[in-house]
Each structure stands twice: as C-alpha cells, then as structure tokens.
Amino acid sequence: MEPIIIIFQIIIALGILNVWILRFGRSTNWRGGNARNMKEEFAVYGLSGWFMGVICFLKLLFALSLIAGLWFQPLTKPAAAGMAILMLGAVSMHLKVKDPLKKALPAFALLVLSLIVAVI
C-alpha cells in the first residue's frame, strides 16, 4: 500500500470522527449557515433529524472502515468511494445555503482525499 494513501486514509477517518463525535454538539467556523451544532446545521440545510442519523451512521461506518482498511485492504476503496459521495453531498449543501466557500473547504478537502484513495 502506498504510504501517501495510508496517510490520506488516516486524515479522512480522524477528520470525520472529530466532526461527528468530538464536535457534534459544538459550534465551529465550518458549520452551515449560523448553526451552532450538527442538529442545527442539518436544519439549515432543510434536512430532517432521521436523515442526520443516517448520514452519521454512514460517515462513521466509512471512517472506521478506512481505519480497518489499513489491515484489511478490500475495505479501503469502497469506504473511500462512499465517503466521497457523502462529501460531495456536504459540499453541495454548503453551496445550497450560499455559505462562503471557506465553510465548504473541509468537506471539499475530504472529498478530494477520498477520491484519491478510491481511485489509486
């Protein structure tokens, strides 16, 4: 396995775990609109609470699969592809609510990293 791919897997996984576990209920500079936590952010996007639960489950599943992929490589590409799809959705939500582009930057960065891991 390419060392850079391993680094990207770790960056993606830790980034997602940070956002969806450690910072879930906290305000950040990257939240959509004027949201102060993840629930408010999904409301800003016009998305329901149950949908947030589905996205949370999928993001955590793909993040943990990227970590597990360090030892069991067949998990890596599908997890990265799934994460890329979710990150494309995240970027599109920021654009939908006309956030400044800087708010979409973390999601865009994870989208690019996920695409690299999925393709290489």
Foldseek 3Di string as FASTA:
>chain_A
DDPVLLVLLLVLLVVLCCQLPVQQQAADPLAADRDGHNQVSCVLLVHDPVVSVVLSVLSNVLSVLSVVCVVVVVSFQVSLVSLLVVLVVVLVSNVVSPHPVVSSVVSVVSNVSSVVRNPD
